[in-house]
Protein backbone atom coordinates (compact mmCIF):
# COMPACT_ATOMS: atom_id res chain seq x y z
CA MET A 1 -16.17 4.54 -10.24
CA SER A 2 -17.89 1.26 -12.24
CA ASP A 3 -14.96 1.73 -15.09
CA THR A 4 -12.47 1.70 -12.29
CA LYS A 5 -14.13 -0.98 -10.18
CA ALA A 6 -14.05 -3.46 -13.55
CA GLN A 7 -11.14 -2.35 -14.50
CA PHE A 8 -9.57 -3.04 -10.80
CA GLU A 9 -11.28 -6.31 -10.70
CA HIS A 10 -9.43 -6.97 -14.74
CA VAL A 11 -5.51 -6.48 -13.24
CA ILE A 12 -6.29 -7.78 -9.85
CA GLY A 13 -7.32 -11.09 -11.69
CA ILE A 14 -3.95 -11.15 -13.80
CA CYS A 15 -2.29 -11.12 -10.13
CA ARG A 16 -4.55 -13.43 -7.97
CA ASP A 17 -3.86 -16.20 -11.69
CA LEU A 18 -0.31 -15.65 -11.08
CA PHE A 19 -0.25 -15.65 -7.46
CA ILE A 20 -1.71 -19.46 -7.80
CA LYS A 21 0.57 -20.36 -10.87
CA LYS A 22 3.33 -19.80 -8.26
CA LEU A 23 2.04 -21.36 -5.64
CA HIS A 24 1.55 -24.27 -8.18
CA ASP A 25 5.24 -24.11 -8.54
CA TYR A 26 6.18 -23.54 -5.28
CA GLY A 27 3.43 -23.96 -2.32
CA ALA A 28 3.46 -21.33 0.29
CA SER A 29 7.42 -21.19 0.28
CA TRP A 30 7.48 -17.52 1.56
CA ARG A 31 5.55 -18.29 4.74
CA ILE A 32 9.00 -18.16 5.94
CA MET A 33 10.04 -14.93 5.09
CA ARG A 34 9.95 -12.03 7.63
CA PRO A 35 7.38 -8.73 7.30
CA GLU A 36 11.63 -6.91 7.12
CA SER A 37 12.62 -9.46 3.60
CA ILE A 38 9.26 -8.87 1.79
CA THR A 39 9.43 -5.27 2.68
CA ASP A 40 12.60 -5.56 0.51
CA GLN A 41 11.58 -7.51 -1.51
CA ILE A 42 9.76 -4.78 -2.80
CA PHE A 43 11.91 -2.14 -2.77
CA ILE A 44 14.17 -4.52 -5.21
CA LYS A 45 11.03 -4.39 -7.64
CA ALA A 46 10.43 -1.05 -6.95
CA LYS A 47 13.94 0.28 -7.94
CA ARG A 48 14.19 -1.97 -11.25
CA ILE A 49 11.06 0.31 -11.84
CA ARG A 50 12.87 3.31 -11.57
CA ASN A 51 15.80 2.22 -12.94
CA LEU A 52 14.18 0.63 -16.58
CA GLU A 53 11.81 4.44 -16.07
CA ILE A 54 15.22 6.37 -16.01
CA LYS A 55 17.22 4.41 -18.29
CA LYS A 56 14.59 2.81 -20.94
CA VAL A 57 16.61 0.13 -21.69
CA SER A 58 15.77 -3.19 -19.93
CA GLN A 59 19.10 -5.80 -19.62
CA VAL A 60 16.60 -8.96 -19.43
CA GLY A 61 13.72 -8.34 -21.29
CA GLU A 62 11.45 -7.59 -19.39
CA GLY A 63 9.38 -4.42 -18.70
CA ILE A 64 8.01 -2.78 -15.59
CA TYR A 65 4.70 -4.81 -16.37
CA PRO A 66 5.39 -7.81 -14.22
CA GLU A 67 7.35 -5.77 -11.49
CA PHE A 68 4.11 -4.34 -10.11
CA ILE A 69 2.47 -7.43 -10.32
CA GLY A 70 5.18 -8.51 -8.15
CA ILE A 71 4.45 -5.75 -5.87
CA VAL A 72 0.60 -6.71 -5.59
CA ASN A 73 1.66 -9.84 -5.03
CA TYR A 74 4.75 -9.01 -1.83
CA GLY A 75 2.48 -6.47 -0.61
CA ILE A 76 -0.42 -9.42 0.02
CA ILE A 77 1.68 -11.13 1.39
CA GLY A 78 3.22 -8.63 3.20
CA LEU A 79 -0.08 -8.18 5.00
CA ILE A 80 -0.38 -12.49 5.07
CA GLN A 81 2.73 -12.38 7.71
CA LEU A 82 1.81 -9.45 9.52
CA ASP A 83 -1.27 -10.82 10.38
CA LEU A 84 -0.74 -15.18 10.86
CA GLY A 85 3.69 -14.00 11.72
CA PHE A 86 5.75 -16.10 9.71
CA SER A 87 6.36 -19.49 9.96
CA SER A 88 10.54 -21.78 9.62
CA THR A 89 7.79 -24.16 7.79
CA VAL A 90 5.14 -23.93 5.30
CA ASP A 91 2.64 -24.23 7.45
CA ILE A 92 -0.62 -23.26 5.23
CA SER A 93 -2.40 -25.34 2.49
CA ASN A 94 -2.55 -23.81 -1.46
CA ARG A 95 -6.06 -23.14 -0.78
CA GLU A 96 -5.58 -21.54 2.08
CA ALA A 97 -2.66 -18.62 0.96
CA ALA A 98 -5.20 -18.01 -1.75
CA ASP A 99 -8.27 -18.05 1.06
CA LEU A 100 -5.67 -15.33 2.62
CA TYR A 101 -4.99 -13.91 -1.07
CA ASP A 102 -8.59 -12.99 -1.16
CA LYS A 103 -9.46 -12.15 2.21
CA PHE A 104 -6.95 -9.41 2.41
CA MET A 105 -6.74 -8.08 -0.82
CA THR A 106 -10.81 -7.31 -1.07
CA GLN A 107 -9.52 -5.24 2.20
CA THR A 108 -7.18 -3.17 0.28
CA LYS A 109 -9.32 -3.24 -2.66
CA GLU A 110 -12.27 -1.53 -0.55
CA LEU A 111 -9.45 0.63 1.54
CA MET A 112 -8.82 2.09 -2.14
CA TYR A 113 -12.60 2.33 -2.91
CA ALA A 114 -13.03 4.74 -0.22
CA LYS A 115 -10.05 6.44 -0.47
CA ASN A 116 -10.77 7.33 -4.46
CA ALA A 117 -13.91 8.54 -2.91
CA ASP A 118 -12.40 10.77 -1.72
CA TYR A 119 -9.90 11.95 -4.51
CA ASP A 120 -12.17 11.82 -7.14
CA GLU A 121 -10.15 9.77 -8.83
CA ALA A 122 -7.67 11.55 -8.32
CA TRP A 123 -4.51 9.12 -9.57
CA ARG A 124 -6.01 9.27 -13.16
CA ASP A 125 -3.96 12.38 -14.09
CA MET A 126 -0.58 10.73 -11.87
CA ARG A 127 2.05 9.85 -13.81
CA ILE A 128 3.54 6.14 -13.86
CA ASN A 129 6.40 7.05 -12.65
CA SER A 130 4.86 9.37 -9.67
CA TYR A 131 3.43 5.47 -8.71
CA THR A 132 6.88 4.30 -8.72
CA ASP A 133 8.21 7.27 -6.37
CA LEU A 134 5.53 6.86 -4.25
CA ILE A 135 5.83 2.85 -3.79
CA LEU A 136 9.78 3.80 -2.70
CA THR A 137 8.70 6.37 -0.30
CA LYS A 138 6.24 4.05 1.79
CA ILE A 139 9.11 1.45 0.97
CA GLN A 140 11.17 3.81 3.00
CA ARG A 141 8.70 4.86 6.38
CA THR A 142 8.20 0.69 6.56
CA LYS A 143 11.49 0.38 6.85
CA GLN A 144 11.76 3.35 9.32
CA ILE A 145 7.88 1.47 11.16
CA GLU A 146 10.60 -1.76 11.37
CA ASP A 147 13.23 -0.77 12.70
CA ASN A 148 10.97 1.00 15.32
CA HIS A 149 9.66 -2.97 15.94
CA GLY A 150 5.92 -1.65 14.55
CA GLU A 151 5.34 1.75 16.43
CA THR A 152 4.15 3.98 16.00
CA ILE A 153 3.54 7.85 17.17
CA VAL A 154 1.10 9.14 14.44
CA SER A 155 1.60 7.38 11.45
CA GLU A 156 -0.49 4.83 10.38
CA GLY A 157 1.09 1.31 10.26
CA ILE A 158 3.19 -1.23 8.24
CA ASP A 159 -0.33 -2.63 6.41
CA ALA A 160 -1.73 0.76 5.22
CA ASN A 161 1.53 1.47 3.74
CA TYR A 162 1.72 -2.54 2.70
CA MET A 163 -2.31 -1.60 0.98
CA ASP A 164 -0.81 1.52 -0.22
CA MET A 165 1.88 -0.04 -2.00
CA VAL A 166 -0.31 -2.80 -4.13
CA ASN A 167 -3.02 0.06 -4.64
CA TYR A 168 -0.15 2.23 -6.11
CA SER A 169 0.58 -0.80 -8.64
CA LEU A 170 -2.35 -2.08 -9.37
CA PHE A 171 -3.58 1.23 -10.34
CA ALA A 172 0.09 1.95 -12.57
CA LEU A 173 -0.76 -1.41 -13.92
CA ILE A 174 -4.77 -0.31 -14.79
CA LYS A 175 -3.08 2.59 -16.73
CA LEU A 176 -0.71 0.10 -18.72
CA GLU A 177 -3.11 -2.57 -19.43
CA TYR A 178 -5.10 0.18 -20.83
CA GLY A 179 -3.46 2.58 -22.36
CA GLU A 180 -3.96 6.15 -20.49
CA GLU A 181 -0.56 6.73 -20.09
CA LYS A 182 -0.11 10.04 -21.11
């Protein structure tokens, strides 16, 4: 598990670095996004990943790696928005946004560590395209929960689905970064 923790920290660092750079360029402009829009943004990225996996060709010259980073970062943004609610203006500083990113990434990472212990690192034997399909499934579940105004009878909520999408993307990034895809 120590390798897993080091690898997680490494790819999280890559995602966080891009998040911070975009905060510099755009500020927390995403604060105006409603959770449904964030879910759709994640959908666009996951759909593109799936298309690239199937077609094996990119028309814009970017592969799946940056799209998984985007899913990680939008998943964390989604958790922030669920916690704060959306805003009509950019109402937090870049520092506050970074602190919230760290808070929700820590919660998401801790969930992964707990599940990883229970599942005995089964994710390492999965294919990246399975993560893509699981993310797309989680998106469909999230959309249904959003259509139900956040109410569920027996299922986890939107926040748990966002966390799972982030963690599946981090798994994919680890496999891509460390050449673990078979």
